[in-house]
């Protein structure tokens, strides 16, 4: 059986050690699709109540559109402390439980380029001072990054491992509009290509099972994402959690989640067409708590991976 080319393999080959991503959740970061800059309410699948910053903090960190400087951000010291505390706690556990030797600091929750540049620079610079950190991975939206930030990250990339993670989701604008994404597919392509042109590594997130999409539409999104020369990919099934607009659609019978067989079918096809140089960071997603409404098969990630390996086996592959 041939092991699928994973992100972990890529990192181990490059650094000769076990490299783990340390997911960080910095309070105060929001999203232009939540705060009203480009839309209100966020994507239909987004649980907005998970954003817990105060009203004043939200205004202070609304984004680069306000042209704030670090001196006007009274929450920066708090954010820097959160960053260090979370990194130390998570990295120590990863070292103890999994033998992690080196780390990528992963700015994970919400839109992690959507803040004044000086705030971003302070956080990124701080993260790179931590022991055994080899670089950063920054989750963001294509409508929430600037040339200034890209130029800065490009400089960092000369000596550090720098990744930007963009939510591609779909190349169909009708789908993006239906999920209240707030930007079109052309915007994603533009900023992925700009990031690549500046020498940055790009991970693209793809969601299978979006409202109104069939298998061929999901695979067309996949084809185009690959053609944009992304370096890594995350595949997600769309699942429904409480306190979202999608939950309301589901309860009204207006949305039916993708079933596991259909997800496995499109996932296998996506993997088969994937260029060998693109690493895989995730093959599925889910949550096992009371917030999940549907589909129930998304509760057990271990069982999902077992089923994924079962359908990959005839291809001589394993994850």
Protein backbone atom coordinates (compact mmCIF):
# COMPACT_ATOMS: atom_id res chain seq x y z
CA UNK A 1 0.00 0.00 0.00
CA UNK A 2 1.26 3.45 -0.91
CA UNK A 3 0.98 6.20 1.69
CA UNK A 4 -0.83 9.28 0.44
CA UNK A 5 1.43 12.32 0.35
CA UNK A 6 0.46 14.12 3.55
CA UNK A 7 1.51 17.45 4.98
CA UNK A 8 3.22 15.61 7.82
CA UNK A 9 5.35 13.74 5.30
CA UNK A 10 6.24 16.99 3.54
CA UNK A 11 7.34 18.59 6.82
CA UNK A 12 9.31 15.55 7.96
CA UNK A 13 11.11 15.34 4.63
CA UNK A 14 12.01 19.02 4.79
CA UNK A 15 13.03 19.32 8.44
CA UNK A 16 14.06 15.78 9.29
CA UNK A 17 11.89 15.82 12.41
CA UNK A 18 8.32 15.49 13.59
CA UNK A 19 6.77 18.90 12.91
CA UNK A 20 3.32 19.67 14.37
CA UNK A 21 0.97 22.57 13.81
CA UNK A 22 0.00 24.40 17.00
CA UNK A 23 -3.48 25.85 16.52
CA UNK A 24 -3.86 29.27 18.12
CA UNK A 25 -7.10 31.15 18.82
CA UNK A 26 -6.42 34.84 19.44
CA UNK A 27 -9.33 36.83 20.87
CA UNK A 28 -10.38 39.91 18.97
CA UNK A 29 -10.00 38.52 15.48
CA UNK A 30 -13.21 38.59 13.53
CA UNK A 31 -14.19 38.40 9.88
CA UNK A 32 -15.36 41.03 7.36
CA UNK A 33 -18.28 38.75 6.62
CA UNK A 34 -19.37 38.91 10.25
CA UNK A 35 -18.66 42.50 11.26
CA UNK A 36 -20.57 43.99 8.33
CA UNK A 37 -17.65 45.20 6.23
CA UNK A 38 -18.59 43.00 3.26
CA UNK A 39 -21.64 41.19 4.64
CA UNK A 40 -23.45 40.38 7.86
CA UNK A 41 -24.02 37.10 9.62
CA UNK A 42 -21.01 35.26 8.28
CA UNK A 43 -21.08 32.20 6.05
CA UNK A 44 -24.25 30.20 6.57
CA UNK A 45 -22.29 27.34 8.17
CA UNK A 46 -20.39 29.60 10.60
CA UNK A 47 -21.30 29.55 14.29
CA UNK A 48 -21.01 33.25 15.04
CA UNK A 49 -21.59 32.96 18.77
CA UNK A 50 -18.15 31.39 19.03
CA UNK A 51 -16.76 34.90 18.63
CA UNK A 52 -16.59 36.15 22.19
CA UNK A 53 -14.81 39.48 21.96
CA UNK A 54 -16.48 42.50 23.50
CA UNK A 55 -18.09 45.15 21.33
CA UNK A 56 -15.23 47.59 21.94
CA UNK A 57 -12.64 44.95 21.16
CA UNK A 58 -14.45 44.06 17.96
CA UNK A 59 -14.42 47.69 16.87
CA UNK A 60 -10.75 48.09 17.76
CA UNK A 61 -9.78 45.06 15.71
CA UNK A 62 -12.29 45.40 12.91
CA UNK A 63 -9.53 45.25 10.36
CA UNK A 64 -7.13 47.07 8.12
CA UNK A 65 -10.08 48.98 6.63
CA UNK A 66 -9.95 51.21 9.73
CA UNK A 67 -6.24 51.92 9.26
CA UNK A 68 -5.53 51.51 12.95
CA UNK A 69 -1.99 51.45 14.29
CA UNK A 70 -0.72 49.23 17.08
CA UNK A 71 -0.83 52.19 19.47
CA UNK A 72 -4.59 52.35 18.91
CA UNK A 73 -4.99 48.67 19.74
CA UNK A 74 -5.13 48.39 23.54
CA UNK A 75 -5.64 44.62 23.30
CA UNK A 76 -2.29 43.77 21.71
CA UNK A 77 -0.54 42.93 24.99
CA UNK A 78 -3.42 40.61 25.86
CA UNK A 79 -3.17 38.94 22.46
CA UNK A 80 0.58 38.45 22.73
CA UNK A 81 0.11 36.84 26.15
CA UNK A 82 -2.61 34.56 24.79
CA UNK A 83 -0.35 33.58 21.93
CA UNK A 84 2.50 32.57 24.21
CA UNK A 85 0.32 30.77 26.75
CA UNK A 86 -1.51 28.75 24.13
CA UNK A 87 1.66 27.87 22.27
CA UNK A 88 3.48 26.70 25.38
CA UNK A 89 0.55 24.61 26.59
CA UNK A 90 -0.24 22.93 23.27
CA UNK A 91 3.33 22.39 22.07
CA UNK A 92 4.34 20.76 25.35
CA UNK A 93 1.41 18.38 25.12
CA UNK A 94 2.23 17.56 21.49
CA UNK A 95 5.84 16.88 22.43
CA UNK A 96 4.82 14.70 25.34
CA UNK A 97 2.06 12.72 23.63
CA UNK A 98 3.20 12.57 20.00
CA UNK A 99 6.94 13.17 20.09
CA UNK A 100 6.71 16.51 18.29
CA UNK A 101 10.12 18.10 17.87
CA UNK A 102 9.44 21.25 15.85
CA UNK A 103 6.36 23.40 15.33
CA UNK A 104 4.39 25.59 12.96
CA UNK A 105 2.32 28.22 14.75
CA UNK A 106 -1.11 28.00 13.14
CA UNK A 107 -3.22 31.14 13.39
CA UNK A 108 -6.44 29.22 13.02
CA UNK A 109 -9.68 30.83 14.18
CA UNK A 110 -11.45 33.47 12.10
CA UNK A 111 -9.52 35.67 9.66
CA UNK A 112 -5.94 36.02 10.79
CA UNK A 113 -4.82 38.73 8.39
CA UNK A 114 -7.83 40.91 9.20
CA UNK A 115 -6.26 43.41 11.59
CA UNK A 116 -3.96 46.43 11.43
CA UNK A 117 -0.63 45.51 9.86
CA UNK A 118 1.37 46.46 12.95
CA UNK A 119 -0.82 44.14 15.04
CA UNK A 120 -0.25 41.28 12.63
CA UNK A 121 3.49 41.93 12.50
CA UNK A 122 3.75 41.93 16.29
CA UNK A 123 1.91 38.61 16.56
CA UNK A 124 3.77 36.90 13.73
CA UNK A 125 7.16 38.13 14.96
CA UNK A 126 6.40 36.95 18.49
CA UNK A 127 5.35 33.50 17.30
CA UNK A 128 8.62 33.06 15.45
CA UNK A 129 10.63 33.64 18.65
CA UNK A 130 9.27 30.54 20.37
CA UNK A 131 11.60 27.59 20.81
CA UNK A 132 11.65 25.05 17.97
CA UNK A 133 9.22 27.04 15.81
CA UNK A 134 10.13 26.71 12.13
CA UNK A 135 7.38 28.87 10.70
CA UNK A 136 3.77 30.00 10.51
CA UNK A 137 0.53 28.90 8.93
CA UNK A 138 -2.08 31.64 8.66
CA UNK A 139 -5.74 30.99 8.01
CA UNK A 140 -7.51 33.81 6.19
CA UNK A 141 -9.95 34.93 3.50
CA UNK A 142 -8.94 36.20 0.09
CA UNK A 143 -10.78 39.49 0.63
CA UNK A 144 -8.95 40.17 3.89
CA UNK A 145 -5.29 40.40 3.00
CA UNK A 146 -3.20 43.25 1.64
CA UNK A 147 -0.14 43.60 -0.55
CA UNK A 148 1.68 44.98 2.50
CA UNK A 149 1.00 41.82 4.48
CA UNK A 150 1.99 39.60 1.56
CA UNK A 151 5.25 41.50 1.11
CA UNK A 152 6.06 41.10 4.79
CA UNK A 153 5.28 37.37 4.76
CA UNK A 154 7.36 37.02 1.61
CA UNK A 155 10.36 38.43 3.48
CA UNK A 156 9.77 36.00 6.34
CA UNK A 157 9.56 33.14 3.86
CA UNK A 158 13.20 33.66 2.90
CA UNK A 159 14.24 32.09 6.20
CA UNK A 160 11.06 30.55 7.65
CA UNK A 161 8.34 28.10 6.57
CA UNK A 162 5.38 30.37 5.78
CA UNK A 163 1.95 29.14 4.72
CA UNK A 164 -1.29 30.95 3.92
CA UNK A 165 -4.53 28.97 4.10
CA UNK A 166 -7.37 30.24 1.93
CA UNK A 167 -10.96 29.04 2.04
CA UNK A 168 -11.71 28.27 -1.60
CA UNK A 169 -14.87 26.27 -0.83
CA UNK A 170 -16.35 26.47 -4.35
CA UNK A 171 -15.57 28.03 -7.72
CA UNK A 172 -19.28 28.59 -8.39
CA UNK A 173 -20.32 32.14 -7.54
CA UNK A 174 -23.96 31.11 -7.16
CA UNK A 175 -22.88 28.73 -4.40
CA UNK A 176 -20.71 31.36 -2.74
CA UNK A 177 -23.63 33.76 -2.80
CA UNK A 178 -25.98 31.15 -1.35
CA UNK A 179 -23.66 30.47 1.59
CA UNK A 180 -23.20 34.24 2.07
CA UNK A 181 -19.47 34.05 1.47
CA UNK A 182 -19.09 37.73 0.68
CA UNK A 183 -16.65 37.41 -2.23
CA UNK A 184 -16.52 35.65 -5.57
CA UNK A 185 -14.29 32.88 -6.88
CA UNK A 186 -12.20 35.27 -8.98
CA UNK A 187 -11.10 37.01 -5.78
CA UNK A 188 -9.80 33.74 -4.33
CA UNK A 189 -7.91 32.86 -7.51
CA UNK A 190 -6.37 36.34 -7.65
CA UNK A 191 -4.96 36.26 -4.12
CA UNK A 192 -3.79 32.67 -4.31
CA UNK A 193 -1.85 33.55 -7.44
CA UNK A 194 -0.47 36.72 -5.83
CA UNK A 195 0.65 34.69 -2.82
CA UNK A 196 2.33 32.12 -5.03
CA UNK A 197 4.04 34.83 -7.07
CA UNK A 198 5.60 36.16 -3.86
CA UNK A 199 7.03 32.77 -2.98
CA UNK A 200 4.52 31.78 -0.32
CA UNK A 201 3.11 28.32 0.29
CA UNK A 202 -0.65 28.06 -0.12
CA UNK A 203 -3.12 25.57 1.34
CA UNK A 204 -6.62 25.54 -0.16
CA UNK A 205 -9.73 24.47 1.75
CA UNK A 206 -12.44 22.69 -0.25
CA UNK A 207 -15.93 21.89 1.04
CA UNK A 208 -17.87 19.01 -0.46
CA UNK A 209 -21.64 18.95 -0.01
CA UNK A 210 -22.37 22.66 -0.34
CA UNK A 211 -26.03 23.54 -1.05
CA UNK A 212 -27.09 22.87 -4.63
CA UNK A 213 -23.82 21.27 -5.74
CA UNK A 214 -23.55 17.85 -7.36
CA UNK A 215 -20.51 15.63 -7.71
CA UNK A 216 -19.30 17.17 -10.95
CA UNK A 217 -19.47 20.67 -9.48
CA UNK A 218 -17.41 19.58 -6.48
CA UNK A 219 -14.83 17.99 -8.77
CA UNK A 220 -14.70 21.07 -11.00
CA UNK A 221 -13.87 23.17 -7.94
CA UNK A 222 -11.15 20.65 -7.14
CA UNK A 223 -9.73 20.76 -10.67
CA UNK A 224 -9.55 24.53 -10.70
CA UNK A 225 -8.02 24.70 -7.22
CA UNK A 226 -5.27 22.33 -8.35
CA UNK A 227 -4.73 24.41 -11.49
CA UNK A 228 -4.05 27.47 -9.32
CA UNK A 229 -0.95 25.58 -8.15
CA UNK A 230 -1.84 25.32 -4.48
CA UNK A 231 0.78 23.43 -2.47
CA UNK A 232 -1.52 21.62 -0.07
CA UNK A 233 -5.22 20.89 0.34
CA UNK A 234 -7.82 20.27 3.02
CA UNK A 235 -11.03 18.42 2.12
CA UNK A 236 -14.08 19.00 4.31
CA UNK A 237 -17.63 17.63 4.29
CA UNK A 238 -20.24 20.28 5.06
CA UNK A 239 -21.90 19.47 8.36
CA UNK A 240 -24.58 21.41 10.22
CA UNK A 241 -24.09 22.86 13.69
CA UNK A 242 -26.48 24.77 15.89
CA UNK A 243 -26.65 28.58 15.92
CA UNK A 244 -26.01 28.89 12.18
CA UNK A 245 -28.11 30.01 9.23
CA UNK A 246 -27.48 26.58 7.72
CA UNK A 247 -29.09 24.99 10.78
CA UNK A 248 -32.23 26.99 10.07
CA UNK A 249 -32.23 25.82 6.45
CA UNK A 250 -31.76 22.24 7.60
CA UNK A 251 -34.59 22.44 10.12
CA UNK A 252 -36.89 23.86 7.43
CA UNK A 253 -36.00 21.00 5.10
CA UNK A 254 -34.20 23.32 2.67
CA UNK A 255 -30.81 21.63 2.95
CA UNK A 256 -29.86 17.96 2.98
CA UNK A 257 -26.30 17.18 4.11
CA UNK A 258 -24.09 15.02 1.94
CA UNK A 259 -24.22 11.34 2.92
CA UNK A 260 -21.03 9.44 3.68
CA UNK A 261 -21.05 7.29 0.54
CA UNK A 262 -21.38 10.38 -1.67
CA UNK A 263 -18.60 12.11 0.24
CA UNK A 264 -16.30 9.11 -0.09
CA UNK A 265 -17.06 8.95 -3.81
CA UNK A 266 -16.10 12.55 -4.52
CA UNK A 267 -13.12 12.42 -2.14
CA UNK A 268 -11.61 9.43 -3.91
CA UNK A 269 -12.01 11.13 -7.28
CA UNK A 270 -10.43 14.32 -5.89
CA UNK A 271 -7.46 12.37 -4.59
CA UNK A 272 -7.06 10.44 -7.84
CA UNK A 273 -6.82 13.65 -9.88
CA UNK A 274 -4.53 15.43 -7.41
CA UNK A 275 -1.04 16.27 -8.68
CA UNK A 276 1.56 14.32 -6.72
CA UNK A 277 3.31 17.45 -5.41
CA UNK A 278 0.20 18.69 -3.56
CA UNK A 279 0.19 17.42 0.01
CA UNK A 280 -3.00 16.58 1.89
CA UNK A 281 -3.59 18.16 5.28
CA UNK A 282 -7.09 16.86 5.95
CA UNK A 283 -9.40 14.31 4.36
CA UNK A 284 -12.48 14.91 6.47
CA UNK A 285 -13.89 16.91 9.35
CA UNK A 286 -16.53 16.71 12.01
CA UNK A 287 -17.43 17.35 15.59
CA UNK A 288 -18.67 15.06 18.33
CA UNK A 289 -20.70 17.20 20.69
CA UNK A 290 -24.23 18.48 21.16
CA UNK A 291 -23.72 21.28 18.63
CA UNK A 292 -23.78 18.86 15.66
CA UNK A 293 -27.17 18.53 14.03
CA UNK A 294 -26.27 16.51 10.95
CA UNK A 295 -25.01 14.36 9.40
CA UNK A 296 -24.45 11.91 12.21
CA UNK A 297 -21.57 10.20 10.37
CA UNK A 298 -19.45 13.30 10.98
CA UNK A 299 -19.29 12.58 14.72
CA UNK A 300 -16.52 9.97 14.69
CA UNK A 301 -13.40 11.07 12.82
CA UNK A 302 -11.59 7.81 13.49
CA UNK A 303 -14.43 5.86 11.91
CA UNK A 304 -14.45 8.28 8.98
CA UNK A 305 -10.74 7.68 8.36
CA UNK A 306 -11.32 3.92 8.60
CA UNK A 307 -13.98 4.16 5.90
CA UNK A 308 -11.76 6.42 3.78
CA UNK A 309 -8.94 3.89 3.91
CA UNK A 310 -11.38 1.15 2.93
CA UNK A 311 -12.32 2.94 -0.30
CA UNK A 312 -8.70 3.88 -1.00
CA UNK A 313 -7.45 0.32 -0.60
CA UNK A 314 -8.50 -0.84 -4.11
CA UNK A 315 -6.34 2.00 -5.45
CA UNK A 316 -3.35 0.76 -3.48
CA UNK A 317 -3.46 3.85 -1.27
CA UNK A 318 -3.79 4.56 2.44
CA UNK A 319 -4.10 7.71 4.52
